[in-house]
C-alpha atoms as a PDB file:
ATOM      1  CA  MET A   1       0.149   0.066   0.007  1.00  0.00           C
ATOM      2  CA  THR A   2       3.061   2.195   0.176  1.00  0.00           C
ATOM      3  CA  PHE A   3       6.406   3.268  -1.086  1.00  0.00           C
ATOM      4  CA  THR A   4       8.813   5.363   1.015  1.00  0.00           C
ATOM      5  CA  LEU A   5      12.243   6.975   1.138  1.00  0.00           C
ATOM      6  CA  ALA A   6      13.965   8.222   4.300  1.00  0.00           C
ATOM      7  CA  ALA A   7      17.203   9.933   4.587  1.00  0.00           C
ATOM      8  CA  ARG A   8      19.828  11.972   6.356  1.00  0.00           C
ATOM      9  CA  CYS A   9      21.260  14.904   4.422  1.00  0.00           C
ATOM     10  CA  PRO A  10      25.120  14.675   4.759  1.00  0.00           C
ATOM     11  CA  GLU A  11      25.498  18.565   4.245  1.00  0.00           C
ATOM     12  CA  THR A  12      22.859  19.858   6.650  1.00  0.00           C
ATOM     13  CA  GLY A  13      22.429  17.041   9.139  1.00  0.00           C
ATOM     14  CA  GLN A  14      18.743  17.331   8.315  1.00  0.00           C
ATOM     15  CA  PHE A  15      16.452  14.212   8.305  1.00  0.00           C
ATOM     16  CA  GLY A  16      13.577  13.703   5.818  1.00  0.00           C
ATOM     17  CA  ILE A  17      10.958  11.264   4.423  1.00  0.00           C
ATOM     18  CA  VAL A  18       8.777  11.109   1.413  1.00  0.00           C
ATOM     19  CA  ILE A  19       5.905   8.649   1.162  1.00  0.00           C
ATOM     20  CA  SER A  20       2.999   7.761  -1.114  1.00  0.00           C
ATOM     21  CA  SER A  21       0.137   5.260  -0.852  1.00  0.00           C
ATOM     22  CA  SER A  22      -3.176   4.097  -2.256  1.00  0.00           C
ATOM     23  CA  SER A  23      -4.485   4.955   1.383  1.00  0.00           C
ATOM     24  CA  PRO A  24      -5.789   8.218   2.481  1.00  0.00           C
ATOM     25  CA  ALA A  25      -3.493  10.384   4.661  1.00  0.00           C
ATOM     26  CA  VAL A  26      -0.400   8.238   4.624  1.00  0.00           C
ATOM     27  CA  ALA A  27       2.061  10.766   5.825  1.00  0.00           C
ATOM     28  CA  ALA A  28      -0.263  11.215   8.933  1.00  0.00           C
ATOM     29  CA  ARG A  29       0.317   7.812  10.056  1.00  0.00           C
ATOM     30  CA  CYS A  30       3.470   6.454   8.683  1.00  0.00           C
ATOM     31  CA  ALA A  31       5.994   9.428   8.544  1.00  0.00           C
ATOM     32  CA  HIS A  32       8.123  10.220  11.943  1.00  0.00           C
ATOM     33  CA  ALA A  33      11.080  12.264  12.240  1.00  0.00           C
ATOM     34  CA  ARG A  34      12.871  14.036  15.133  1.00  0.00           C
ATOM     35  CA  ALA A  35      15.634  16.690  15.011  1.00  0.00           C
ATOM     36  CA  GLY A  36      19.002  15.169  16.155  1.00  0.00           C
ATOM     37  CA  ALA A  37      17.787  11.723  16.519  1.00  0.00           C
ATOM     38  CA  GLY A  38      16.523  10.223  13.047  1.00  0.00           C
ATOM     39  CA  VAL A  39      13.736   9.346  10.851  1.00  0.00           C
ATOM     40  CA  VAL A  40      11.321   6.488  10.733  1.00  0.00           C
ATOM     41  CA  ALA A  41       8.729   5.121   8.583  1.00  0.00           C
ATOM     42  CA  THR A  42       5.966   2.758  10.045  1.00  0.00           C
ATOM     43  CA  GLN A  43       4.088   1.121   7.331  1.00  0.00           C
ATOM     44  CA  ASN A  44       2.128  -1.692   5.641  1.00  0.00           C
ATOM     45  CA  VAL A  45      -0.615  -2.709   8.283  1.00  0.00           C
ATOM     46  CA  THR A  46       0.488   0.373  10.251  1.00  0.00           C
ATOM     47  CA  ASP A  47       1.087   0.746  13.995  1.00  0.00           C
ATOM     48  CA  PRO A  48       1.916   4.589  14.257  1.00  0.00           C
ATOM     49  CA  ALA A  49       2.880   3.972  17.806  1.00  0.00           C
ATOM     50  CA  LEU A  50       6.081   2.379  16.728  1.00  0.00           C
ATOM     51  CA  GLY A  51       7.353   5.576  15.165  1.00  0.00           C
ATOM     52  CA  PRO A  52       7.873   7.385  18.524  1.00  0.00           C
ATOM     53  CA  ARG A  53       9.120   4.305  20.167  1.00  0.00           C
ATOM     54  CA  LEU A  54      11.891   3.966  17.575  1.00  0.00           C
ATOM     55  CA  LEU A  55      12.665   7.745  17.663  1.00  0.00           C
ATOM     56  CA  ASP A  56      12.976   7.534  21.591  1.00  0.00           C
ATOM     57  CA  LEU A  57      15.492   4.779  21.264  1.00  0.00           C
ATOM     58  CA  LEU A  58      17.506   6.871  18.378  1.00  0.00           C
ATOM     59  CA  ASP A  59      17.261   9.937  20.623  1.00  0.00           C
ATOM     60  CA  GLN A  60      18.997   7.723  23.549  1.00  0.00           C
ATOM     61  CA  GLY A  61      22.045   7.077  21.025  1.00  0.00           C
ATOM     62  CA  HIS A  62      20.959   3.607  19.799  1.00  0.00           C
ATOM     63  CA  SER A  63      21.911   2.820  16.230  1.00  0.00           C
ATOM     64  CA  ALA A  64      19.174   2.344  13.711  1.00  0.00           C
ATOM     65  CA  GLN A  65      20.008  -1.417  13.881  1.00  0.00           C
ATOM     66  CA  ALA A  66      19.847  -1.502  17.662  1.00  0.00           C
ATOM     67  CA  ALA A  67      16.656   0.512  17.769  1.00  0.00           C
ATOM     68  CA  LEU A  68      14.984  -1.714  15.032  1.00  0.00           C
ATOM     69  CA  ALA A  69      16.129  -4.916  16.933  1.00  0.00           C
ATOM     70  CA  GLY A  70      14.825  -3.706  20.178  1.00  0.00           C
ATOM     71  CA  VAL A  71      11.287  -2.855  18.733  1.00  0.00           C
ATOM     72  CA  THR A  72      10.684  -5.725  16.622  1.00  0.00           C
ATOM     73  CA  ALA A  73      11.728  -8.090  19.450  1.00  0.00           C
ATOM     74  CA  ALA A  74       9.303  -6.555  21.890  1.00  0.00           C
ATOM     75  CA  THR A  75       6.312  -6.070  19.540  1.00  0.00           C
ATOM     76  CA  PRO A  76       3.406  -8.402  19.133  1.00  0.00           C
ATOM     77  CA  ASP A  77       2.344  -8.953  15.584  1.00  0.00           C
ATOM     78  CA  ILE A  78       5.327  -7.684  14.135  1.00  0.00           C
ATOM     79  CA  GLY A  79       4.921  -9.936  11.153  1.00  0.00           C
ATOM     80  CA  TRP A  80       2.491  -7.195   9.792  1.00  0.00           C
ATOM     81  CA  ARG A  81       4.741  -4.404   9.823  1.00  0.00           C
ATOM     82  CA  GLN A  82       7.480  -2.740   7.780  1.00  0.00           C
ATOM     83  CA  LEU A  83       9.778  -0.386   9.329  1.00  0.00           C
ATOM     84  CA  LEU A  84      12.434   1.830   7.871  1.00  0.00           C
ATOM     85  CA  VAL A  85      15.006   3.656  10.126  1.00  0.00           C
ATOM     86  CA  VAL A  86      17.864   6.181   9.704  1.00  0.00           C
ATOM     87  CA  ASP A  87      19.844   7.185  12.771  1.00  0.00           C
ATOM     88  CA  ARG A  88      21.857  10.304  13.548  1.00  0.00           C
ATOM     89  CA  ALA A  89      25.096   9.062  12.168  1.00  0.00           C
ATOM     90  CA  GLY A  90      23.260   7.952   8.744  1.00  0.00           C
ATOM     91  CA  GLY A  91      23.088   4.375   9.640  1.00  0.00           C
ATOM     92  CA  THR A  92      20.055   2.511   8.287  1.00  0.00           C
ATOM     93  CA  ALA A  93      18.018  -0.472   8.931  1.00  0.00           C
ATOM     94  CA  VAL A  94      14.804  -1.923   7.607  1.00  0.00           C
ATOM     95  CA  PHE A  95      12.473  -4.555   8.706  1.00  0.00           C
ATOM     96  CA  THR A  96       9.775  -6.323   6.334  1.00  0.00           C
ATOM     97  CA  GLY A  97       7.485  -9.026   8.122  1.00  0.00           C
ATOM     98  CA  ASP A  98       6.453 -12.141   7.021  1.00  0.00           C
ATOM     99  CA  ARG A  99       2.883 -10.952   6.561  1.00  0.00           C
ATOM    100  CA  VAL A 100       3.374  -7.881   4.643  1.00  0.00           C
ATOM    101  CA  LEU A 101       1.162  -7.308   1.885  1.00  0.00           C
ATOM    102  CA  GLY A 102       1.659  -8.056  -2.049  1.00  0.00           C
ATOM    103  CA  VAL A 103       5.014  -7.608  -3.266  1.00  0.00           C
ATOM    104  CA  PRO A 104       7.480  -6.145  -0.739  1.00  0.00           C
ATOM    105  CA  GLY A 105      10.841  -4.487  -1.437  1.00  0.00           C
ATOM    106  CA  GLN A 106      13.506  -2.851   0.509  1.00  0.00           C
ATOM    107  CA  ALA A 107      17.035  -0.997  -0.480  1.00  0.00           C
ATOM    108  CA  GLN A 108      19.662   0.890   1.669  1.00  0.00           C
ATOM    109  CA  GLY A 109      22.331   3.249   0.837  1.00  0.00           C
ATOM    110  CA  ASP A 110      24.548   5.659   2.341  1.00  0.00           C
ATOM    111  CA  GLY A 111      22.349   7.554   4.805  1.00  0.00           C
ATOM    112  CA  VAL A 112      19.289   6.444   3.005  1.00  0.00           C
ATOM    113  CA  VAL A 113      16.769   3.667   3.095  1.00  0.00           C
ATOM    114  CA  ALA A 114      13.554   3.039   0.844  1.00  0.00           C
ATOM    115  CA  GLY A 115      10.977   0.259   1.208  1.00  0.00           C
ATOM    116  CA  GLY A 116       7.385  -0.512   0.022  1.00  0.00           C
ATOM    117  CA  ASN A 117       4.591  -3.153  -0.149  1.00  0.00           C
ATOM    118  CA  LEU A 118       1.933  -4.124  -2.528  1.00  0.00           C
ATOM    119  CA  LEU A 119       4.677  -2.664  -5.030  1.00  0.00           C
ATOM    120  CA  ALA A 120       4.526  -3.074  -9.015  1.00  0.00           C
ATOM    121  CA  GLY A 121       7.693  -4.913  -8.492  1.00  0.00           C
ATOM    122  CA  PRO A 122      10.487  -5.511  -5.737  1.00  0.00           C
ATOM    123  CA  GLY A 123      13.077  -2.997  -7.406  1.00  0.00           C
ATOM    124  CA  VAL A 124      11.155   0.032  -6.742  1.00  0.00           C
ATOM    125  CA  PRO A 125      12.945   0.980  -3.517  1.00  0.00           C
ATOM    126  CA  ALA A 126      16.256   0.615  -5.432  1.00  0.00           C
ATOM    127  CA  ALA A 127      15.288   2.836  -8.004  1.00  0.00           C
ATOM    128  CA  MET A 128      13.943   5.232  -5.507  1.00  0.00           C
ATOM    129  CA  ILE A 129      17.486   5.553  -3.914  1.00  0.00           C
ATOM    130  CA  ALA A 130      19.237   5.837  -7.146  1.00  0.00           C
ATOM    131  CA  ALA A 131      17.042   8.707  -8.144  1.00  0.00           C
ATOM    132  CA  TYR A 132      17.437  10.350  -4.764  1.00  0.00           C
ATOM    133  CA  MET A 133      21.354   9.907  -4.973  1.00  0.00           C
ATOM    134  CA  ALA A 134      21.531  11.251  -8.640  1.00  0.00           C
ATOM    135  CA  ALA A 135      19.660  14.282  -7.851  1.00  0.00           C
ATOM    136  CA  THR A 136      20.887  17.781  -6.844  1.00  0.00           C
ATOM    137  CA  GLY A 137      19.769  20.975  -5.106  1.00  0.00           C
ATOM    138  CA  PRO A 138      17.873  21.346  -1.643  1.00  0.00           C
ATOM    139  CA  PHE A 139      17.140  18.386   0.412  1.00  0.00           C
ATOM    140  CA  GLY A 140      13.468  18.555  -0.428  1.00  0.00           C
ATOM    141  CA  ASP A 141      14.199  18.568  -4.125  1.00  0.00           C
ATOM    142  CA  ARG A 142      16.374  15.428  -3.910  1.00  0.00           C
ATOM    143  CA  LEU A 143      13.639  13.533  -1.648  1.00  0.00           C
ATOM    144  CA  LEU A 144      10.888  14.308  -4.138  1.00  0.00           C
ATOM    145  CA  ALA A 145      13.252  13.019  -6.987  1.00  0.00           C
ATOM    146  CA  GLY A 146      13.458   9.724  -5.022  1.00  0.00           C
ATOM    147  CA  LEU A 147       9.641   9.563  -4.800  1.00  0.00           C
ATOM    148  CA  THR A 148       9.342  10.388  -8.393  1.00  0.00           C
ATOM    149  CA  GLY A 149      11.995   7.797  -9.311  1.00  0.00           C
ATOM    150  CA  GLY A 150       9.858   5.078  -7.352  1.00  0.00           C
ATOM    151  CA  LEU A 151       6.802   6.110  -9.225  1.00  0.00           C
ATOM    152  CA  ALA A 152       8.553   5.994 -12.732  1.00  0.00           C
ATOM    153  CA  ALA A 153       9.667   2.479 -11.523  1.00  0.00           C
ATOM    154  CA  GLY A 154       5.925   1.484 -11.196  1.00  0.00           C
ATOM    155  CA  GLY A 155       5.347   2.429  -7.664  1.00  0.00           C
ATOM    156  CA  GLU A 156       2.449   0.766  -5.826  1.00  0.00           C
ATOM    157  CA  ALA A 157       0.673  -1.970  -8.081  1.00  0.00           C
ATOM    158  CA  GLY A 158      -2.410   0.213  -8.167  1.00  0.00           C
ATOM    159  CA  PRO A 159      -3.218   4.043  -8.300  1.00  0.00           C
ATOM    160  CA  VAL A 160      -1.974   6.006  -5.233  1.00  0.00           C
ATOM    161  CA  HIS A 161      -4.057   8.722  -3.617  1.00  0.00           C
ATOM    162  CA  SER A 162      -2.031  10.425  -0.951  1.00  0.00           C
ATOM    163  CA  ALA A 163       1.687  11.596  -0.494  1.00  0.00           C
ATOM    164  CA  GLY A 164       3.655  13.620   1.883  1.00  0.00           C
ATOM    165  CA  MET A 165       7.088  14.935   2.727  1.00  0.00           C
ATOM    166  CA  LYS A 166       8.581  15.794   6.268  1.00  0.00           C
ATOM    167  CA  ILE A 167      12.040  17.279   6.898  1.00  0.00           C
ATOM    168  CA  VAL A 168      13.221  18.225  10.356  1.00  0.00           C
ATOM    169  CA  ASP A 169      16.285  20.438  11.090  1.00  0.00           C
ATOM    170  CA  ARG A 170      17.476  21.725  14.654  1.00  0.00           C
ATOM    171  CA  LEU A 171      14.129  22.511  15.966  1.00  0.00           C
ATOM    172  CA  SER A 172      11.470  20.441  18.013  1.00  0.00           C
ATOM    173  CA  TRP A 173       8.853  21.094  15.228  1.00  0.00           C
ATOM    174  CA  PRO A 174       9.206  20.193  11.460  1.00  0.00           C
ATOM    175  CA  LEU A 175      10.987  22.528   8.969  1.00  0.00           C
ATOM    176  CA  VAL A 176       8.701  21.026   6.461  1.00  0.00           C
ATOM    177  CA  ASP A 177       5.546  19.031   6.921  1.00  0.00           C
ATOM    178  CA  LEU A 178       3.693  18.791   3.571  1.00  0.00           C
ATOM    179  CA  ARG A 179       0.871  16.416   2.949  1.00  0.00           C
ATOM    180  CA  VAL A 180      -1.557  15.586   0.072  1.00  0.00           C
ATOM    181  CA  ASP A 181      -4.111  13.696   2.070  1.00  0.00           C
ATOM    182  CA  TRP A 182      -6.393  12.500  -0.875  1.00  0.00           C
ATOM    183  CA  ALA A 183      -6.165  13.118  -4.482  1.00  0.00           C
ATOM    184  CA  GLU A 184      -8.003  11.346  -7.196  1.00  0.00           C
ATOM    185  CA  THR A 185      -5.081  11.273  -9.305  1.00  0.00           C
ATOM    186  CA  ASP A 186      -1.263  12.206  -9.147  1.00  0.00           C
ATOM    187  CA  PRO A 187      -0.824  13.281  -5.321  1.00  0.00           C
ATOM    188  CA  ILE A 188       2.945  13.303  -5.900  1.00  0.00           C
ATOM    189  CA  ALA A 189       2.416  16.056  -8.462  1.00  0.00           C
ATOM    190  CA  GLN A 190       0.382  18.034  -6.099  1.00  0.00           C
ATOM    191  CA  LEU A 191       3.055  17.344  -3.500  1.00  0.00           C
ATOM    192  CA  HIS A 192       5.633  18.876  -5.838  1.00  0.00           C
ATOM    193  CA  LYS A 193       3.458  22.006  -6.286  1.00  0.00           C
ATOM    194  CA  ALA A 194       3.152  22.449  -2.575  1.00  0.00           C
ATOM    195  CA  TRP A 195       7.015  22.234  -2.144  1.00  0.00           C
ATOM    196  CA  GLN A 196       7.636  24.645  -4.886  1.00  0.00           C
ATOM    197  CA  VAL A 197       5.536  27.291  -3.038  1.00  0.00           C
ATOM    198  CA  TYR A 198       6.654  26.384   0.497  1.00  0.00           C
ATOM    199  CA  GLY A 199      10.428  25.561  -0.014  1.00  0.00           C
ATOM    200  CA  PRO A 200      11.509  28.886  -0.764  1.00  0.00           C
ATOM    201  CA  GLN A 201       9.552  30.250   2.329  1.00  0.00           C
ATOM    202  CA  ALA A 202      10.468  27.594   4.871  1.00  0.00           C
ATOM    203  CA  GLU A 203      13.205  29.313   6.477  1.00  0.00           C
ATOM    204  CA  ASP A 204      11.035  32.576   6.861  1.00  0.00           C
ATOM    205  CA  TYR A 205       8.768  30.746   9.161  1.00  0.00           C
ATOM    206  CA  VAL A 206      11.710  29.699  11.223  1.00  0.00           C
ATOM    207  CA  ARG A 207      12.598  33.316  11.518  1.00  0.00           C
ATOM    208  CA  ARG A 208       9.136  34.263  12.371  1.00  0.00           C
ATOM    209  CA  ALA A 209       9.159  31.774  15.426  1.00  0.00           C
ATOM    210  CA  GLU A 210      12.585  32.640  16.595  1.00  0.00           C
ATOM    211  CA  SER A 211      12.897  36.439  15.865  1.00  0.00           C
ATOM    212  CA  PRO A 212       9.317  37.809  14.890  1.00  0.00           C
ATOM    213  CA  GLY A 213      10.576  41.457  14.898  1.00  0.00           C
ATOM    214  CA  ASP A 214      13.290  40.671  12.421  1.00  0.00           C
ATOM    215  CA  ALA A 215      11.329  38.410   9.957  1.00  0.00           C
ATOM    216  CA  PRO A 216       9.966  39.131   6.627  1.00  0.00           C
ATOM    217  CA  ALA A 217       6.562  40.677   6.484  1.00  0.00           C
ATOM    218  CA  TYR A 218       3.571  38.376   5.583  1.00  0.00           C
ATOM    219  CA  GLY A 219       2.962  40.294   2.402  1.00  0.00           C
ATOM    220  CA  VAL A 220      -1.114  39.797   2.557  1.00  0.00           C
ATOM    221  CA  PRO A 221      -3.613  42.213   2.758  1.00  0.00           C
ATOM    222  CA  GLY A 222      -4.005  43.612   6.253  1.00  0.00           C
ATOM    223  CA  ASP A 223      -0.636  42.861   7.051  1.00  0.00           C
ATOM    224  CA  SER A 224       0.304  44.766  10.311  1.00  0.00           C
ATOM    225  CA  LEU A 225       3.297  42.877  11.181  1.00  0.00           C
ATOM    226  CA  ARG A 226       5.550  45.934  10.593  1.00  0.00           C
ATOM    227  CA  VAL A 227       4.433  48.946  12.477  1.00  0.00           C
ATOM    228  CA  GLU A 228       6.569  52.070  12.076  1.00  0.00           C
ATOM    229  CA  LYS A 229       7.463  54.044  15.393  1.00  0.00           C
END
């Protein structure tokens, strides 16, 4: 039902994840990231509680492999789950249970992991990583290149209807958290459009949080952020 790529940016230390599915609101349940700790996907027959559990272990300094081993060993019904993990050092781990639906696939690279289920073919995750690694530009551009590469390789066996991207930096809240929770057709294209609008403004919203008096004006009718004294 899902194909996903999660990564640590080697230049910035940011963590990011892109995801798409035939199910609605996939990013709301499956995409988890925490600044300074790592990034996690919890998918297939999803248990969203596994995301925070894995992030807590990563935050405590466990590697991706150790965190994944601890959670899988302690979780009932783990055979239904597919889990992707990237830790603060760029280490990766992936688990695909023996009851995962349809055609599953997984692939790992340097600081990046991809995986999916009910795929058009098992090579989709490797295609996602190849597209991500070949891309240039901002981290969000590279993540979306990976997601688009997965779609071009066949993606899910059926049509997808939701997509999302999350990026965390140094703050307790996401730098980017964009979602297309339902689209009849091509949610990945809609996600691209949202990123084209939001990406150039992302740092402005950080400045508004940290130093509102120095932040750019909103530029909308009735904007009174700037009051001359």
